[in-house]
Amino acid sequence: MTQSVSLPSQDYSSVLKLSEKYQLEREHIRAILGISESTQFRYEKSLPVLKPNLGDRWLRFMKIVDLANDLFEDTRETQRWLSTPQTSFA
């Protein structure tokens, strides 16, 4: 049985929880959401509800994580895959 990424509320706390679970670097989160470092810092302080475009990007990323969990059937393997550069996606 695989672990499914639940679809939490669309606030920045869900970003922090998933990034902590999979040990994602802050730079990766910025790249996924398309935000600047100063915006990321501000979001980490206030934990706002994500704007629709950011929420959509985050939801798509969470679906990718869910599919990776289904494929690898192991959280650690998913974590390794997420931290490995994917040249085919560049």
N, C-alpha and C. Protein backbone atom coordinates (compact mmCIF):
# COMPACT_ATOMS: atom_id res chain seq x y z
N MET A 1 0.85 -1.18 0.00
CA MET A 1 0.00 0.00 0.00
C MET A 1 0.89 1.24 0.00
N THR A 2 0.57 2.20 -0.81
CA THR A 2 1.38 3.42 -0.91
C THR A 2 0.78 4.53 -0.07
N GLN A 3 1.67 5.47 0.28
CA GLN A 3 1.22 6.65 1.00
C GLN A 3 0.73 7.68 0.01
N SER A 4 -0.39 8.25 0.29
CA SER A 4 -0.93 9.29 -0.57
C SER A 4 -0.72 10.64 0.08
N VAL A 5 -0.35 11.61 -0.73
CA VAL A 5 -0.21 12.97 -0.23
C VAL A 5 -1.61 13.54 -0.11
N SER A 6 -2.00 13.87 1.11
CA SER A 6 -3.34 14.44 1.29
C SER A 6 -3.35 15.85 0.72
N LEU A 7 -4.49 16.30 0.33
CA LEU A 7 -4.62 17.63 -0.23
C LEU A 7 -5.05 18.59 0.88
N PRO A 8 -4.05 19.18 1.56
CA PRO A 8 -4.37 20.07 2.67
C PRO A 8 -4.88 21.41 2.16
N SER A 9 -5.18 22.27 3.13
CA SER A 9 -5.61 23.61 2.76
C SER A 9 -4.52 24.28 1.94
N GLN A 10 -4.91 25.23 1.15
CA GLN A 10 -3.97 25.90 0.26
C GLN A 10 -3.29 27.08 0.97
N ASP A 11 -2.71 26.83 2.13
CA ASP A 11 -1.94 27.88 2.76
C ASP A 11 -0.48 27.45 2.82
N TYR A 12 0.37 28.39 3.17
CA TYR A 12 1.80 28.13 3.10
C TYR A 12 2.25 27.08 4.11
N SER A 13 1.47 26.83 5.15
CA SER A 13 1.85 25.79 6.10
C SER A 13 1.89 24.42 5.42
N SER A 14 1.04 24.19 4.42
CA SER A 14 1.09 22.92 3.69
C SER A 14 2.39 22.79 2.90
N VAL A 15 2.90 23.90 2.42
CA VAL A 15 4.18 23.92 1.71
C VAL A 15 5.29 23.52 2.68
N LEU A 16 5.27 24.12 3.87
CA LEU A 16 6.30 23.82 4.86
C LEU A 16 6.25 22.36 5.31
N LYS A 17 5.05 21.83 5.51
CA LYS A 17 4.91 20.44 5.96
C LYS A 17 5.47 19.46 4.93
N LEU A 18 5.09 19.64 3.68
CA LEU A 18 5.56 18.73 2.64
C LEU A 18 7.05 18.89 2.39
N SER A 19 7.54 20.12 2.42
CA SER A 19 8.97 20.33 2.19
C SER A 19 9.79 19.75 3.34
N GLU A 20 9.25 19.77 4.54
CA GLU A 20 9.95 19.15 5.67
C GLU A 20 9.93 17.63 5.55
N LYS A 21 8.78 17.07 5.19
CA LYS A 21 8.66 15.62 5.05
C LYS A 21 9.64 15.06 4.03
N TYR A 22 9.82 15.78 2.91
CA TYR A 22 10.69 15.30 1.85
C TYR A 22 12.04 16.02 1.82
N GLN A 23 12.32 16.80 2.85
CA GLN A 23 13.59 17.52 2.99
C GLN A 23 13.94 18.31 1.73
N LEU A 24 12.98 19.07 1.25
CA LEU A 24 13.20 19.90 0.07
C LEU A 24 13.92 21.18 0.46
N GLU A 25 14.89 21.56 -0.32
CA GLU A 25 15.63 22.79 -0.08
C GLU A 25 14.73 24.00 -0.33
N ARG A 26 15.01 25.08 0.36
CA ARG A 26 14.24 26.32 0.18
C ARG A 26 14.29 26.77 -1.27
N GLU A 27 15.43 26.58 -1.93
CA GLU A 27 15.58 26.98 -3.33
C GLU A 27 14.63 26.20 -4.23
N HIS A 28 14.44 24.92 -3.91
CA HIS A 28 13.52 24.10 -4.70
C HIS A 28 12.09 24.59 -4.55
N ILE A 29 11.73 24.97 -3.34
CA ILE A 29 10.38 25.49 -3.11
C ILE A 29 10.16 26.77 -3.90
N ARG A 30 11.17 27.65 -3.88
CA ARG A 30 11.05 28.90 -4.66
C ARG A 30 10.88 28.59 -6.14
N ALA A 31 11.63 27.63 -6.64
CA ALA A 31 11.53 27.28 -8.06
C ALA A 31 10.16 26.67 -8.39
N ILE A 32 9.66 25.82 -7.52
CA ILE A 32 8.35 25.20 -7.75
C ILE A 32 7.25 26.25 -7.80
N LEU A 33 7.28 27.17 -6.83
CA LEU A 33 6.23 28.19 -6.75
C LEU A 33 6.49 29.40 -7.63
N GLY A 34 7.74 29.57 -8.06
CA GLY A 34 8.07 30.74 -8.87
C GLY A 34 8.03 32.02 -8.06
N ILE A 35 8.59 31.97 -6.84
CA ILE A 35 8.59 33.15 -5.97
C ILE A 35 10.02 33.55 -5.64
N SER A 36 10.18 34.79 -5.22
CA SER A 36 11.49 35.30 -4.84
C SER A 36 11.82 34.88 -3.41
N GLU A 37 13.08 35.05 -3.04
CA GLU A 37 13.50 34.72 -1.68
C GLU A 37 12.80 35.60 -0.65
N SER A 38 12.62 36.89 -0.97
CA SER A 38 11.95 37.78 -0.02
C SER A 38 10.47 37.40 0.15
N THR A 39 9.82 36.98 -0.93
CA THR A 39 8.44 36.52 -0.82
C THR A 39 8.37 35.25 0.01
N GLN A 40 9.30 34.35 -0.22
CA GLN A 40 9.34 33.11 0.55
C GLN A 40 9.51 33.42 2.04
N PHE A 41 10.40 34.32 2.37
CA PHE A 41 10.62 34.69 3.77
C PHE A 41 9.33 35.26 4.37
N ARG A 42 8.67 36.13 3.63
CA ARG A 42 7.42 36.74 4.10
C ARG A 42 6.34 35.66 4.31
N TYR A 43 6.24 34.72 3.38
CA TYR A 43 5.26 33.64 3.50
C TYR A 43 5.56 32.76 4.71
N GLU A 44 6.84 32.49 4.97
CA GLU A 44 7.21 31.66 6.11
C GLU A 44 6.83 32.33 7.43
N LYS A 45 6.87 33.65 7.46
CA LYS A 45 6.50 34.38 8.68
C LYS A 45 4.99 34.42 8.89
N SER A 46 4.24 34.67 7.82
CA SER A 46 2.80 34.92 7.98
C SER A 46 1.89 33.75 7.60
N LEU A 47 2.43 32.75 6.90
CA LEU A 47 1.67 31.57 6.47
C LEU A 47 0.34 31.93 5.80
N PRO A 48 0.39 32.74 4.74
CA PRO A 48 -0.86 33.16 4.10
C PRO A 48 -1.49 32.03 3.27
N VAL A 49 -2.75 32.24 2.92
CA VAL A 49 -3.40 31.38 1.93
C VAL A 49 -2.72 31.69 0.61
N LEU A 50 -2.39 30.64 -0.14
CA LEU A 50 -1.69 30.85 -1.41
C LEU A 50 -2.61 31.51 -2.43
N LYS A 51 -2.04 32.41 -3.21
CA LYS A 51 -2.78 33.02 -4.31
C LYS A 51 -3.14 31.91 -5.29
N PRO A 52 -4.19 32.09 -6.08
CA PRO A 52 -4.64 31.02 -6.98
C PRO A 52 -3.54 30.43 -7.86
N ASN A 53 -2.69 31.27 -8.43
CA ASN A 53 -1.65 30.74 -9.32
C ASN A 53 -0.63 29.91 -8.53
N LEU A 54 -0.28 30.34 -7.32
CA LEU A 54 0.66 29.59 -6.50
C LEU A 54 0.02 28.31 -5.98
N GLY A 55 -1.24 28.40 -5.60
CA GLY A 55 -1.96 27.22 -5.14
C GLY A 55 -2.05 26.17 -6.23
N ASP A 56 -2.26 26.61 -7.47
CA ASP A 56 -2.31 25.69 -8.60
C ASP A 56 -0.97 25.02 -8.82
N ARG A 57 0.11 25.78 -8.77
CA ARG A 57 1.45 25.20 -8.93
C ARG A 57 1.73 24.19 -7.83
N TRP A 58 1.36 24.57 -6.60
CA TRP A 58 1.63 23.68 -5.47
C TRP A 58 0.80 22.40 -5.58
N LEU A 59 -0.45 22.52 -5.99
CA LEU A 59 -1.31 21.35 -6.15
C LEU A 59 -0.75 20.42 -7.22
N ARG A 60 -0.26 20.97 -8.33
CA ARG A 60 0.34 20.14 -9.38
C ARG A 60 1.58 19.43 -8.86
N PHE A 61 2.40 20.14 -8.06
CA PHE A 61 3.59 19.51 -7.49
C PHE A 61 3.19 18.38 -6.54
N MET A 62 2.17 18.62 -5.73
CA MET A 62 1.71 17.59 -4.80
C MET A 62 1.22 16.35 -5.55
N LYS A 63 0.60 16.54 -6.70
CA LYS A 63 0.16 15.41 -7.52
C LYS A 63 1.36 14.62 -8.04
N ILE A 64 2.42 15.34 -8.41
CA ILE A 64 3.65 14.67 -8.85
C ILE A 64 4.23 13.84 -7.71
N VAL A 65 4.26 14.41 -6.51
CA VAL A 65 4.76 13.68 -5.34
C VAL A 65 3.91 12.44 -5.10
N ASP A 66 2.61 12.57 -5.21
CA ASP A 66 1.70 11.45 -5.02
C ASP A 66 1.98 10.35 -6.04
N LEU A 67 2.16 10.73 -7.30
CA LEU A 67 2.48 9.75 -8.34
C LEU A 67 3.83 9.09 -8.09
N ALA A 68 4.81 9.86 -7.63
CA ALA A 68 6.12 9.29 -7.30
C ALA A 68 6.01 8.30 -6.16
N ASN A 69 5.20 8.62 -5.16
CA ASN A 69 4.97 7.67 -4.06
C ASN A 69 4.34 6.38 -4.56
N ASP A 70 3.40 6.49 -5.48
CA ASP A 70 2.78 5.30 -6.07
C ASP A 70 3.81 4.48 -6.85
N LEU A 71 4.66 5.15 -7.59
CA LEU A 71 5.66 4.47 -8.40
C LEU A 71 6.72 3.79 -7.54
N PHE A 72 7.31 4.54 -6.61
CA PHE A 72 8.43 4.02 -5.82
C PHE A 72 7.99 3.22 -4.61
N GLU A 73 6.76 3.43 -4.15
CA GLU A 73 6.22 2.74 -2.99
C GLU A 73 7.12 2.89 -1.76
N ASP A 74 7.81 4.02 -1.68
CA ASP A 74 8.72 4.26 -0.56
C ASP A 74 8.98 5.76 -0.44
N THR A 75 8.72 6.30 0.73
CA THR A 75 8.90 7.73 0.94
C THR A 75 10.35 8.16 0.74
N ARG A 76 11.28 7.34 1.22
CA ARG A 76 12.70 7.69 1.07
C ARG A 76 13.13 7.71 -0.38
N GLU A 77 12.63 6.78 -1.15
CA GLU A 77 12.97 6.75 -2.58
C GLU A 77 12.35 7.95 -3.29
N THR A 78 11.15 8.31 -2.91
CA THR A 78 10.53 9.51 -3.47
C THR A 78 11.35 10.73 -3.10
N GLN A 79 11.80 10.81 -1.87
CA GLN A 79 12.64 11.92 -1.41
C GLN A 79 13.92 11.99 -2.24
N ARG A 80 14.55 10.84 -2.47
CA ARG A 80 15.78 10.81 -3.27
C ARG A 80 15.50 11.30 -4.69
N TRP A 81 14.41 10.83 -5.27
CA TRP A 81 14.06 11.23 -6.63
C TRP A 81 13.80 12.73 -6.70
N LEU A 82 13.10 13.27 -5.71
CA LEU A 82 12.80 14.70 -5.70
C LEU A 82 14.06 15.55 -5.57
N SER A 83 15.08 15.02 -4.91
CA SER A 83 16.30 15.81 -4.71
C SER A 83 17.31 15.62 -5.83
N THR A 84 17.02 14.73 -6.79
CA THR A 84 17.91 14.50 -7.92
C THR A 84 17.48 15.37 -9.09
N PRO A 85 18.41 16.13 -9.68
CA PRO A 85 18.05 16.97 -10.84
C PRO A 85 17.48 16.10 -11.97
N GLN A 86 16.37 16.55 -12.53
CA GLN A 86 15.70 15.83 -13.61
C GLN A 86 15.98 16.57 -14.92
N THR A 87 17.04 16.18 -15.60
CA THR A 87 17.43 16.89 -16.82
C THR A 87 16.37 16.80 -17.91
N SER A 88 15.57 15.74 -17.89
CA SER A 88 14.53 15.62 -18.92
C SER A 88 13.41 16.63 -18.73
N PHE A 89 13.30 17.24 -17.53
CA PHE A 89 12.27 18.25 -17.28
C PHE A 89 12.78 19.66 -17.50
N ALA A 90 14.04 19.81 -17.84
CA ALA A 90 14.62 21.15 -17.98
C ALA A 90 14.17 21.82 -19.25
